[in-house]
């Protein structure tokens, strides 16, 4: 799991209660609390995956077991969402990525 995350994703943490630290998002400076609200991070943990174009690809509220999370991250990492419904990918994660000729490296 850690190697998948390190290879294909930029990880960060956000304290949704912080009103002092600011981040730049879509050309604006906003507090961590405002950013959390933007991503509907109402509870912890919340996982949000953004595309390089800062579009939300995944929003998960609550704890997710490692096995299903691995499949979700593989789906996103392979960019399978562009061509394959998640349920089809989940049924055969390795086969869906190869069959469609999708790249597994970042854009």
PDB file of N, CA and C in Angstrom:
ATOM      1  N   UNK A   1       0.832  -1.193   0.000  1.00  0.00           N
ATOM      2  CA  UNK A   1       0.000   0.000   0.000  1.00  0.00           C
ATOM      3  C   UNK A   1       0.873   1.252   0.000  1.00  0.00           C
ATOM      4  N   UNK A   2       1.882   1.271   0.841  1.00  0.00           N
ATOM      5  CA  UNK A   2       2.731   2.464   0.929  1.00  0.00           C
ATOM      6  C   UNK A   2       3.459   2.755  -0.369  1.00  0.00           C
ATOM      7  N   UNK A   3       3.939   1.706  -1.061  1.00  0.00           N
ATOM      8  CA  UNK A   3       4.659   1.961  -2.310  1.00  0.00           C
ATOM      9  C   UNK A   3       3.711   2.488  -3.379  1.00  0.00           C
ATOM     10  N   UNK A   4       2.480   1.990  -3.424  1.00  0.00           N
ATOM     11  CA  UNK A   4       1.481   2.499  -4.366  1.00  0.00           C
ATOM     12  C   UNK A   4       1.222   3.978  -4.110  1.00  0.00           C
ATOM     13  N   UNK A   5       1.051   4.333  -2.870  1.00  0.00           N
ATOM     14  CA  UNK A   5       0.799   5.723  -2.532  1.00  0.00           C
ATOM     15  C   UNK A   5       1.991   6.601  -2.871  1.00  0.00           C
ATOM     16  N   UNK A   6       3.171   6.160  -2.516  1.00  0.00           N
ATOM     17  CA  UNK A   6       4.374   6.955  -2.753  1.00  0.00           C
ATOM     18  C   UNK A   6       4.658   7.116  -4.243  1.00  0.00           C
ATOM     19  N   UNK A   7       4.397   6.089  -5.033  1.00  0.00           N
ATOM     20  CA  UNK A   7       4.706   6.141  -6.458  1.00  0.00           C
ATOM     21  C   UNK A   7       3.707   6.954  -7.263  1.00  0.00           C
ATOM     22  N   UNK A   8       2.444   6.913  -6.893  1.00  0.00           N
ATOM     23  CA  UNK A   8       1.412   7.460  -7.764  1.00  0.00           C
ATOM     24  C   UNK A   8       0.624   8.639  -7.201  1.00  0.00           C
ATOM     25  N   UNK A   9       0.860   8.991  -5.952  1.00  0.00           N
ATOM     26  CA  UNK A   9       0.051  10.036  -5.341  1.00  0.00           C
ATOM     27  C   UNK A   9       0.917  10.986  -4.526  1.00  0.00           C
ATOM     28  N   UNK A  10       0.493  12.231  -4.451  1.00  0.00           N
ATOM     29  CA  UNK A  10       1.104  13.217  -3.571  1.00  0.00           C
ATOM     30  C   UNK A  10       0.225  13.271  -2.332  1.00  0.00           C
ATOM     31  N   UNK A  11       0.800  12.958  -1.201  1.00  0.00           N
ATOM     32  CA  UNK A  11       0.026  12.874   0.037  1.00  0.00           C
ATOM     33  C   UNK A  11       0.194  14.125   0.871  1.00  0.00           C
ATOM     34  N   UNK A  12      -0.873  14.506   1.516  1.00  0.00           N
ATOM     35  CA  UNK A  12      -0.818  15.608   2.462  1.00  0.00           C
ATOM     36  C   UNK A  12      -1.854  15.372   3.540  1.00  0.00           C
ATOM     37  N   UNK A  13      -1.704  16.037   4.634  1.00  0.00           N
ATOM     38  CA  UNK A  13      -2.682  15.961   5.722  1.00  0.00           C
ATOM     39  C   UNK A  13      -3.256  17.349   5.920  1.00  0.00           C
ATOM     40  N   UNK A  14      -4.449  17.369   6.426  1.00  0.00           N
ATOM     41  CA  UNK A  14      -5.134  18.627   6.635  1.00  0.00           C
ATOM     42  C   UNK A  14      -5.814  18.592   7.992  1.00  0.00           C
ATOM     43  N   UNK A  15      -5.545  19.595   8.812  1.00  0.00           N
ATOM     44  CA  UNK A  15      -6.253  19.732  10.084  1.00  0.00           C
ATOM     45  C   UNK A  15      -7.486  20.576   9.810  1.00  0.00           C
ATOM     46  N   UNK A  16      -8.636  19.929   9.752  1.00  0.00           N
ATOM     47  CA  UNK A  16      -9.864  20.624   9.350  1.00  0.00           C
ATOM     48  C   UNK A  16     -10.323  21.676  10.348  1.00  0.00           C
ATOM     49  N   UNK A  17      -9.736  21.706  11.531  1.00  0.00           N
ATOM     50  CA  UNK A  17     -10.121  22.699  12.536  1.00  0.00           C
ATOM     51  C   UNK A  17      -9.196  23.908  12.563  1.00  0.00           C
ATOM     52  N   UNK A  18      -8.135  23.881  11.786  1.00  0.00           N
ATOM     53  CA  UNK A  18      -7.144  24.954  11.799  1.00  0.00           C
ATOM     54  C   UNK A  18      -7.663  26.178  11.046  1.00  0.00           C
ATOM     55  N   UNK A  19      -7.615  27.326  11.694  1.00  0.00           N
ATOM     56  CA  UNK A  19      -8.051  28.561  11.036  1.00  0.00           C
ATOM     57  C   UNK A  19      -6.884  29.513  10.776  1.00  0.00           C
ATOM     58  N   UNK A  20      -5.653  29.066  11.104  1.00  0.00           N
ATOM     59  CA  UNK A  20      -4.487  29.927  10.917  1.00  0.00           C
ATOM     60  C   UNK A  20      -3.685  29.578   9.671  1.00  0.00           C
ATOM     61  N   UNK A  21      -3.466  28.303   9.444  1.00  0.00           N
ATOM     62  CA  UNK A  21      -2.673  27.885   8.285  1.00  0.00           C
ATOM     63  C   UNK A  21      -3.508  28.053   7.024  1.00  0.00           C
ATOM     64  N   UNK A  22      -2.892  28.619   6.005  1.00  0.00           N
ATOM     65  CA  UNK A  22      -3.611  28.805   4.738  1.00  0.00           C
ATOM     66  C   UNK A  22      -2.940  28.010   3.627  1.00  0.00           C
ATOM     67  N   UNK A  23      -3.730  27.701   2.636  1.00  0.00           N
ATOM     68  CA  UNK A  23      -3.246  26.994   1.446  1.00  0.00           C
ATOM     69  C   UNK A  23      -3.771  27.720   0.220  1.00  0.00           C
ATOM     70  N   UNK A  24      -3.076  27.533  -0.874  1.00  0.00           N
ATOM     71  CA  UNK A  24      -3.531  28.107  -2.132  1.00  0.00           C
ATOM     72  C   UNK A  24      -4.357  27.056  -2.840  1.00  0.00           C
ATOM     73  N   UNK A  25      -5.577  27.416  -3.183  1.00  0.00           N
ATOM     74  CA  UNK A  25      -6.472  26.501  -3.890  1.00  0.00           C
ATOM     75  C   UNK A  25      -7.259  27.296  -4.912  1.00  0.00           C
ATOM     76  N   UNK A  26      -7.084  26.919  -6.182  1.00  0.00           N
ATOM     77  CA  UNK A  26      -7.786  27.575  -7.300  1.00  0.00           C
ATOM     78  C   UNK A  26      -7.601  29.090  -7.272  1.00  0.00           C
ATOM     79  N   UNK A  27      -6.361  29.498  -7.061  1.00  0.00           N
ATOM     80  CA  UNK A  27      -6.022  30.911  -7.130  1.00  0.00           C
ATOM     81  C   UNK A  27      -6.350  31.731  -5.901  1.00  0.00           C
ATOM     82  N   UNK A  28      -6.831  31.112  -4.842  1.00  0.00           N
ATOM     83  CA  UNK A  28      -7.178  31.828  -3.615  1.00  0.00           C
ATOM     84  C   UNK A  28      -6.406  31.271  -2.438  1.00  0.00           C
ATOM     85  N   UNK A  29      -6.195  32.089  -1.444  1.00  0.00           N
ATOM     86  CA  UNK A  29      -5.632  31.640  -0.174  1.00  0.00           C
ATOM     87  C   UNK A  29      -6.801  31.380   0.755  1.00  0.00           C
ATOM     88  N   UNK A  30      -6.896  30.146   1.273  1.00  0.00           N
ATOM     89  CA  UNK A  30      -7.978  29.814   2.191  1.00  0.00           C
ATOM     90  C   UNK A  30      -7.416  29.025   3.371  1.00  0.00           C
ATOM     91  N   UNK A  31      -8.122  29.101   4.485  1.00  0.00           N
ATOM     92  CA  UNK A  31      -7.679  28.390   5.685  1.00  0.00           C
ATOM     93  C   UNK A  31      -7.911  26.896   5.519  1.00  0.00           C
ATOM     94  N   UNK A  32      -7.265  26.132   6.373  1.00  0.00           N
ATOM     95  CA  UNK A  32      -7.463  24.680   6.362  1.00  0.00           C
ATOM     96  C   UNK A  32      -8.924  24.339   6.603  1.00  0.00           C
ATOM     97  N   UNK A  33      -9.574  25.067   7.475  1.00  0.00           N
ATOM     98  CA  UNK A  33     -10.988  24.826   7.744  1.00  0.00           C
ATOM     99  C   UNK A  33     -11.830  25.054   6.479  1.00  0.00           C
ATOM    100  N   UNK A  34     -11.537  26.131   5.750  1.00  0.00           N
ATOM    101  CA  UNK A  34     -12.276  26.408   4.507  1.00  0.00           C
ATOM    102  C   UNK A  34     -12.008  25.339   3.447  1.00  0.00           C
ATOM    103  N   UNK A  35     -10.752  24.899   3.379  1.00  0.00           N
ATOM    104  CA  UNK A  35     -10.397  23.857   2.420  1.00  0.00           C
ATOM    105  C   UNK A  35     -11.116  22.550   2.760  1.00  0.00           C
ATOM    106  N   UNK A  36     -11.154  22.210   4.026  1.00  0.00           N
ATOM    107  CA  UNK A  36     -11.867  21.004   4.458  1.00  0.00           C
ATOM    108  C   UNK A  36     -13.348  21.114   4.102  1.00  0.00           C
ATOM    109  N   UNK A  37     -13.915  22.267   4.288  1.00  0.00           N
ATOM    110  CA  UNK A  37     -15.325  22.479   3.942  1.00  0.00           C
ATOM    111  C   UNK A  37     -15.535  22.338   2.433  1.00  0.00           C
ATOM    112  N   UNK A  38     -14.603  22.844   1.651  1.00  0.00           N
ATOM    113  CA  UNK A  38     -14.677  22.729   0.191  1.00  0.00           C
ATOM    114  C   UNK A  38     -14.741  21.268  -0.228  1.00  0.00           C
ATOM    115  N   UNK A  39     -13.973  20.421   0.458  1.00  0.00           N
ATOM    116  CA  UNK A  39     -13.921  18.996   0.118  1.00  0.00           C
ATOM    117  C   UNK A  39     -14.888  18.156   0.955  1.00  0.00           C
ATOM    118  N   UNK A  40     -15.802  18.792   1.649  1.00  0.00           N
ATOM    119  CA  UNK A  40     -16.806  18.103   2.468  1.00  0.00           C
ATOM    120  C   UNK A  40     -16.162  17.144   3.471  1.00  0.00           C
ATOM    121  N   UNK A  41     -15.072  17.570   4.061  1.00  0.00           N
ATOM    122  CA  UNK A  41     -14.391  16.763   5.080  1.00  0.00           C
ATOM    123  C   UNK A  41     -15.030  17.062   6.428  1.00  0.00           C
ATOM    124  N   UNK A  42     -16.216  16.519   6.617  1.00  0.00           N
ATOM    125  CA  UNK A  42     -16.980  16.794   7.831  1.00  0.00           C
ATOM    126  C   UNK A  42     -16.590  15.887   8.986  1.00  0.00           C
ATOM    127  N   UNK A  43     -16.032  14.721   8.685  1.00  0.00           N
ATOM    128  CA  UNK A  43     -15.632  13.776   9.718  1.00  0.00           C
ATOM    129  C   UNK A  43     -14.221  13.306   9.465  1.00  0.00           C
ATOM    130  N   UNK A  44     -13.710  12.504  10.379  1.00  0.00           N
ATOM    131  CA  UNK A  44     -12.371  11.947  10.201  1.00  0.00           C
ATOM    132  C   UNK A  44     -12.455  10.435  10.332  1.00  0.00           C
ATOM    133  N   UNK A  45     -11.715   9.740   9.544  1.00  0.00           N
ATOM    134  CA  UNK A  45     -10.904  10.273   8.446  1.00  0.00           C
ATOM    135  C   UNK A  45     -11.761  10.558   7.208  1.00  0.00           C
ATOM    136  N   UNK A  46     -11.298  11.462   6.401  1.00  0.00           N
ATOM    137  CA  UNK A  46     -11.871  11.729   5.082  1.00  0.00           C
ATOM    138  C   UNK A  46     -10.726  11.640   4.092  1.00  0.00           C
ATOM    139  N   UNK A  47     -10.947  10.928   3.006  1.00  0.00           N
ATOM    140  CA  UNK A  47      -9.944  10.795   1.954  1.00  0.00           C
ATOM    141  C   UNK A  47     -10.478  11.469   0.703  1.00  0.00           C
ATOM    142  N   UNK A  48      -9.679  12.347   0.135  1.00  0.00           N
ATOM    143  CA  UNK A  48     -10.044  13.042  -1.093  1.00  0.00           C
ATOM    144  C   UNK A  48      -8.892  12.850  -2.072  1.00  0.00           C
ATOM    145  N   UNK A  49      -9.215  12.453  -3.298  1.00  0.00           N
ATOM    146  CA  UNK A  49      -8.203  12.314  -4.349  1.00  0.00           C
ATOM    147  C   UNK A  49      -8.573  13.290  -5.456  1.00  0.00           C
ATOM    148  N   UNK A  50      -7.612  14.140  -5.815  1.00  0.00           N
ATOM    149  CA  UNK A  50      -7.817  15.137  -6.857  1.00  0.00           C
ATOM    150  C   UNK A  50      -7.005  14.779  -8.090  1.00  0.00           C
ATOM    151  N   UNK A  51      -7.512  15.147  -9.250  1.00  0.00           N
ATOM    152  CA  UNK A  51      -6.753  14.987 -10.483  1.00  0.00           C
ATOM    153  C   UNK A  51      -5.713  16.105 -10.565  1.00  0.00           C
ATOM    154  N   UNK A  52      -4.858  16.028 -11.560  1.00  0.00           N
ATOM    155  CA  UNK A  52      -3.886  17.100 -11.769  1.00  0.00           C
ATOM    156  C   UNK A  52      -4.581  18.422 -12.104  1.00  0.00           C
ATOM    157  N   UNK A  53      -5.810  18.335 -12.597  1.00  0.00           N
ATOM    158  CA  UNK A  53      -6.602  19.524 -12.914  1.00  0.00           C
ATOM    159  C   UNK A  53      -7.434  19.973 -11.707  1.00  0.00           C
ATOM    160  N   UNK A  54      -7.175  19.402 -10.553  1.00  0.00           N
ATOM    161  CA  UNK A  54      -7.805  19.712  -9.278  1.00  0.00           C
ATOM    162  C   UNK A  54      -9.305  19.388  -9.285  1.00  0.00           C
ATOM    163  N   UNK A  55      -9.685  18.377 -10.030  1.00  0.00           N
ATOM    164  CA  UNK A  55     -11.054  17.876  -9.997  1.00  0.00           C
ATOM    165  C   UNK A  55     -11.101  16.720  -9.003  1.00  0.00           C
ATOM    166  N   UNK A  56     -12.168  16.641  -8.246  1.00  0.00           N
ATOM    167  CA  UNK A  56     -12.309  15.580  -7.254  1.00  0.00           C
ATOM    168  C   UNK A  56     -12.611  14.261  -7.957  1.00  0.00           C
ATOM    169  N   UNK A  57     -11.718  13.283  -7.786  1.00  0.00           N
ATOM    170  CA  UNK A  57     -11.907  11.957  -8.362  1.00  0.00           C
ATOM    171  C   UNK A  57     -12.514  10.994  -7.354  1.00  0.00           C
ATOM    172  N   UNK A  58     -12.274  11.245  -6.075  1.00  0.00           N
ATOM    173  CA  UNK A  58     -12.739  10.331  -5.044  1.00  0.00           C
ATOM    174  C   UNK A  58     -12.935  11.081  -3.742  1.00  0.00           C
ATOM    175  N   UNK A  59     -14.035  10.804  -3.082  1.00  0.00           N
ATOM    176  CA  UNK A  59     -14.300  11.349  -1.754  1.00  0.00           C
ATOM    177  C   UNK A  59     -14.816  10.209  -0.889  1.00  0.00           C
ATOM    178  N   UNK A  60     -14.087   9.897   0.156  1.00  0.00           N
ATOM    179  CA  UNK A  60     -14.488   8.829   1.071  1.00  0.00           C
ATOM    180  C   UNK A  60     -14.564   9.386   2.485  1.00  0.00           C
ATOM    181  N   UNK A  61     -15.671   9.173   3.136  1.00  0.00           N
ATOM    182  CA  UNK A  61     -15.816   9.547   4.543  1.00  0.00           C
ATOM    183  C   UNK A  61     -15.741   8.280   5.372  1.00  0.00           C
ATOM    184  N   UNK A  62     -14.902   8.305   6.393  1.00  0.00           N
ATOM    185  CA  UNK A  62     -14.781   7.155   7.275  1.00  0.00           C
ATOM    186  C   UNK A  62     -13.640   6.232   6.879  1.00  0.00           C
ATOM    187  N   UNK A  63     -13.423   5.267   7.732  1.00  0.00           N
ATOM    188  CA  UNK A  63     -12.335   4.308   7.538  1.00  0.00           C
ATOM    189  C   UNK A  63     -12.681   3.330   6.419  1.00  0.00           C
ATOM    190  N   UNK A  64     -11.702   3.025   5.587  1.00  0.00           N
ATOM    191  CA  UNK A  64     -11.857   2.035   4.523  1.00  0.00           C
ATOM    192  C   UNK A  64     -10.803   0.961   4.751  1.00  0.00           C
ATOM    193  N   UNK A  65     -11.215  -0.292   4.744  1.00  0.00           N
ATOM    194  CA  UNK A  65     -10.284  -1.405   4.917  1.00  0.00           C
ATOM    195  C   UNK A  65      -9.213  -1.365   3.820  1.00  0.00           C
ATOM    196  N   UNK A  66      -8.008  -1.857   4.105  1.00  0.00           N
ATOM    197  CA  UNK A  66      -6.906  -1.801   3.137  1.00  0.00           C
ATOM    198  C   UNK A  66      -7.201  -2.471   1.787  1.00  0.00           C
ATOM    199  N   UNK A  67      -7.838  -3.631   1.772  1.00  0.00           N
ATOM    200  CA  UNK A  67      -8.047  -4.337   0.495  1.00  0.00           C
ATOM    201  C   UNK A  67      -8.910  -3.533  -0.475  1.00  0.00           C
ATOM    202  N   UNK A  68     -10.102  -3.051  -0.075  1.00  0.00           N
ATOM    203  CA  UNK A  68     -10.884  -2.254  -1.022  1.00  0.00           C
ATOM    204  C   UNK A  68     -10.219  -0.920  -1.360  1.00  0.00           C
ATOM    205  N   UNK A  69      -9.482  -0.346  -0.409  1.00  0.00           N
ATOM    206  CA  UNK A  69      -8.781   0.906  -0.692  1.00  0.00           C
ATOM    207  C   UNK A  69      -7.700   0.682  -1.746  1.00  0.00           C
ATOM    208  N   UNK A  70      -7.000  -0.442  -1.668  1.00  0.00           N
ATOM    209  CA  UNK A  70      -5.989  -0.782  -2.669  1.00  0.00           C
ATOM    210  C   UNK A  70      -6.588  -0.822  -4.072  1.00  0.00           C
ATOM    211  N   UNK A  71      -7.762  -1.442  -4.190  1.00  0.00           N
ATOM    212  CA  UNK A  71      -8.426  -1.530  -5.502  1.00  0.00           C
ATOM    213  C   UNK A  71      -8.827  -0.139  -5.991  1.00  0.00           C
ATOM    214  N   UNK A  72      -9.380   0.678  -5.107  1.00  0.00           N
ATOM    215  CA  UNK A  72      -9.744   2.048  -5.484  1.00  0.00           C
ATOM    216  C   UNK A  72      -8.533   2.843  -5.952  1.00  0.00           C
ATOM    217  N   UNK A  73      -7.431   2.728  -5.222  1.00  0.00           N
ATOM    218  CA  UNK A  73      -6.220   3.464  -5.601  1.00  0.00           C
ATOM    219  C   UNK A  73      -5.643   2.950  -6.913  1.00  0.00           C
ATOM    220  N   UNK A  74      -5.708   1.642  -7.138  1.00  0.00           N
ATOM    221  CA  UNK A  74      -5.249   1.088  -8.420  1.00  0.00           C
ATOM    222  C   UNK A  74      -6.115   1.611  -9.554  1.00  0.00           C
ATOM    223  N   UNK A  75      -7.417   1.702  -9.346  1.00  0.00           N
ATOM    224  CA  UNK A  75      -8.360   2.225 -10.337  1.00  0.00           C
ATOM    225  C   UNK A  75      -7.997   3.656 -10.714  1.00  0.00           C
ATOM    226  N   UNK A  76      -7.688   4.457  -9.707  1.00  0.00           N
ATOM    227  CA  UNK A  76      -7.317   5.844  -9.950  1.00  0.00           C
ATOM    228  C   UNK A  76      -5.928   5.951 -10.564  1.00  0.00           C
ATOM    229  N   UNK A  77      -4.991   5.186 -10.045  1.00  0.00           N
ATOM    230  CA  UNK A  77      -3.612   5.230 -10.529  1.00  0.00           C
ATOM    231  C   UNK A  77      -3.523   4.846 -12.004  1.00  0.00           C
ATOM    232  N   UNK A  78      -4.292   3.847 -12.407  1.00  0.00           N
ATOM    233  CA  UNK A  78      -4.296   3.385 -13.799  1.00  0.00           C
ATOM    234  C   UNK A  78      -5.151   4.280 -14.691  1.00  0.00           C
ATOM    235  N   UNK A  79      -5.819   5.245 -14.081  1.00  0.00           N
ATOM    236  CA  UNK A  79      -6.745   6.120 -14.787  1.00  0.00           C
ATOM    237  C   UNK A  79      -7.840   5.332 -15.511  1.00  0.00           C
ATOM    238  N   UNK A  80      -8.173   4.205 -14.921  1.00  0.00           N
ATOM    239  CA  UNK A  80      -9.192   3.323 -15.500  1.00  0.00           C
ATOM    240  C   UNK A  80     -10.554   3.998 -15.537  1.00  0.00           C
ATOM    241  N   UNK A  81     -10.786   4.968 -14.645  1.00  0.00           N
ATOM    242  CA  UNK A  81     -12.068   5.665 -14.599  1.00  0.00           C
ATOM    243  C   UNK A  81     -12.401   6.345 -15.918  1.00  0.00           C
ATOM    244  N   UNK A  82     -11.412   6.564 -16.762  1.00  0.00           N
ATOM    245  CA  UNK A  82     -11.652   7.196 -18.060  1.00  0.00           C
ATOM    246  C   UNK A  82     -12.388   6.275 -19.024  1.00  0.00           C
ATOM    247  N   UNK A  83     -12.235   4.941 -18.833  1.00  0.00           N
ATOM    248  CA  UNK A  83     -12.790   3.999 -19.800  1.00  0.00           C
ATOM    249  C   UNK A  83     -13.596   2.862 -19.200  1.00  0.00           C
ATOM    250  N   UNK A  84     -13.362   2.537 -17.945  1.00  0.00           N
ATOM    251  CA  UNK A  84     -13.943   1.330 -17.367  1.00  0.00           C
ATOM    252  C   UNK A  84     -14.763   1.692 -16.131  1.00  0.00           C
ATOM    253  N   UNK A  85     -16.025   1.227 -16.042  1.00  0.00           N
ATOM    254  CA  UNK A  85     -16.783   1.451 -14.807  1.00  0.00           C
ATOM    255  C   UNK A  85     -16.075   0.782 -13.623  1.00  0.00           C
ATOM    256  N   UNK A  86     -16.169   1.402 -12.453  1.00  0.00           N
ATOM    257  CA  UNK A  86     -15.476   0.882 -11.279  1.00  0.00           C
ATOM    258  C   UNK A  86     -15.838  -0.563 -10.985  1.00  0.00           C
ATOM    259  N   UNK A  87     -17.100  -0.916 -11.096  1.00  0.00           N
ATOM    260  CA  UNK A  87     -17.519  -2.287 -10.785  1.00  0.00           C
ATOM    261  C   UNK A  87     -16.807  -3.304 -11.681  1.00  0.00           C
ATOM    262  N   UNK A  88     -16.620  -2.982 -12.960  1.00  0.00           N
ATOM    263  CA  UNK A  88     -15.904  -3.888 -13.867  1.00  0.00           C
ATOM    264  C   UNK A  88     -14.439  -3.987 -13.464  1.00  0.00           C
ATOM    265  N   UNK A  89     -13.850  -2.867 -13.112  1.00  0.00           N
ATOM    266  CA  UNK A  89     -12.447  -2.862 -12.677  1.00  0.00           C
ATOM    267  C   UNK A  89     -12.297  -3.654 -11.394  1.00  0.00           C
ATOM    268  N   UNK A  90     -13.210  -3.449 -10.463  1.00  0.00           N
ATOM    269  CA  UNK A  90     -13.146  -4.131  -9.169  1.00  0.00           C
ATOM    270  C   UNK A  90     -13.239  -5.649  -9.333  1.00  0.00           C
ATOM    271  N   UNK A  91     -14.010  -6.088 -10.309  1.00  0.00           N
ATOM    272  CA  UNK A  91     -14.167  -7.525 -10.538  1.00  0.00           C
ATOM    273  C   UNK A  91     -12.872  -8.162 -11.042  1.00  0.00           C
ATOM    274  N   UNK A  92     -12.056  -7.393 -11.769  1.00  0.00           N
ATOM    275  CA  UNK A  92     -10.808  -7.920 -12.332  1.00  0.00           C
ATOM    276  C   UNK A  92      -9.825  -6.773 -12.532  1.00  0.00           C
ATOM    277  N   UNK A  93      -9.241  -6.245 -11.438  1.00  0.00           N
ATOM    278  CA  UNK A  93      -8.393  -5.051 -11.547  1.00  0.00           C
ATOM    279  C   UNK A  93      -7.233  -5.198 -12.522  1.00  0.00           C
ATOM    280  N   UNK A  94      -6.565  -6.314 -12.534  1.00  0.00           N
ATOM    281  CA  UNK A  94      -5.420  -6.484 -13.436  1.00  0.00           C
ATOM    282  C   UNK A  94      -5.893  -6.602 -14.876  1.00  0.00           C
ATOM    283  N   UNK A  95      -6.935  -7.348 -15.116  1.00  0.00           N
ATOM    284  CA  UNK A  95      -7.423  -7.571 -16.475  1.00  0.00           C
ATOM    285  C   UNK A  95      -7.966  -6.326 -17.131  1.00  0.00           C
ATOM    286  N   UNK A  96      -8.705  -5.506 -16.387  1.00  0.00           N
ATOM    287  CA  UNK A  96      -9.300  -4.300 -16.976  1.00  0.00           C
ATOM    288  C   UNK A  96      -8.230  -3.331 -17.444  1.00  0.00           C
ATOM    289  N   UNK A  97      -7.194  -3.157 -16.661  1.00  0.00           N
ATOM    290  CA  UNK A  97      -6.143  -2.222 -17.048  1.00  0.00           C
ATOM    291  C   UNK A  97      -5.403  -2.664 -18.295  1.00  0.00           C
ATOM    292  N   UNK A  98      -5.119  -3.950 -18.402  1.00  0.00           N
ATOM    293  CA  UNK A  98      -4.378  -4.444 -19.563  1.00  0.00           C
ATOM    294  C   UNK A  98      -5.247  -4.534 -20.796  1.00  0.00           C
ATOM    295  N   UNK A  99      -6.491  -4.965 -20.625  1.00  0.00           N
ATOM    296  CA  UNK A  99      -7.355  -5.203 -21.769  1.00  0.00           C
ATOM    297  C   UNK A  99      -7.639  -3.920 -22.529  1.00  0.00           C
ATOM    298  N   UNK A 100      -7.746  -2.830 -21.842  1.00  0.00           N
ATOM    299  CA  UNK A 100      -8.087  -1.588 -22.527  1.00  0.00           C
ATOM    300  C   UNK A 100      -6.855  -0.837 -23.016  1.00  0.00           C
ATOM    301  N   UNK A 101      -5.668  -1.346 -22.705  1.00  0.00           N
ATOM    302  CA  UNK A 101      -4.445  -0.692 -23.144  1.00  0.00           C
ATOM    303  C   UNK A 101      -4.147   0.588 -22.379  1.00  0.00           C
ATOM    304  N   UNK A 102      -4.708   0.734 -21.199  1.00  0.00           N
ATOM    305  CA  UNK A 102      -4.485   1.949 -20.426  1.00  0.00           C
ATOM    306  C   UNK A 102      -3.078   1.995 -19.880  1.00  0.00           C
ATOM    307  N   UNK A 103      -2.585   3.193 -19.782  1.00  0.00           N
ATOM    308  CA  UNK A 103      -1.272   3.402 -19.174  1.00  0.00           C
ATOM    309  C   UNK A 103      -1.408   3.290 -17.663  1.00  0.00           C
ATOM    310  N   UNK A 104      -0.359   2.873 -17.020  1.00  0.00           N
ATOM    311  CA  UNK A 104      -0.381   2.833 -15.564  1.00  0.00           C
ATOM    312  C   UNK A 104       0.554   3.874 -14.961  1.00  0.00           C
ATOM    313  N   UNK A 105       1.128   4.711 -15.800  1.00  0.00           N
ATOM    314  CA  UNK A 105       1.987   5.777 -15.271  1.00  0.00           C
ATOM    315  C   UNK A 105       1.215   7.099 -15.333  1.00  0.00           C
ATOM    316  N   UNK A 106       1.616   8.080 -14.526  1.00  0.00           N
ATOM    317  CA  UNK A 106       0.925   9.361 -14.506  1.00  0.00           C
ATOM    318  C   UNK A 106       0.962  10.072 -15.851  1.00  0.00           C
ATOM    319  N   UNK A 107      -0.030  10.930 -16.084  1.00  0.00           N
ATOM    320  CA  UNK A 107      -0.064  11.741 -17.315  1.00  0.00           C
ATOM    321  C   UNK A 107       1.098  12.686 -17.368  1.00  0.00           C
TER     322      UNK A 107
END
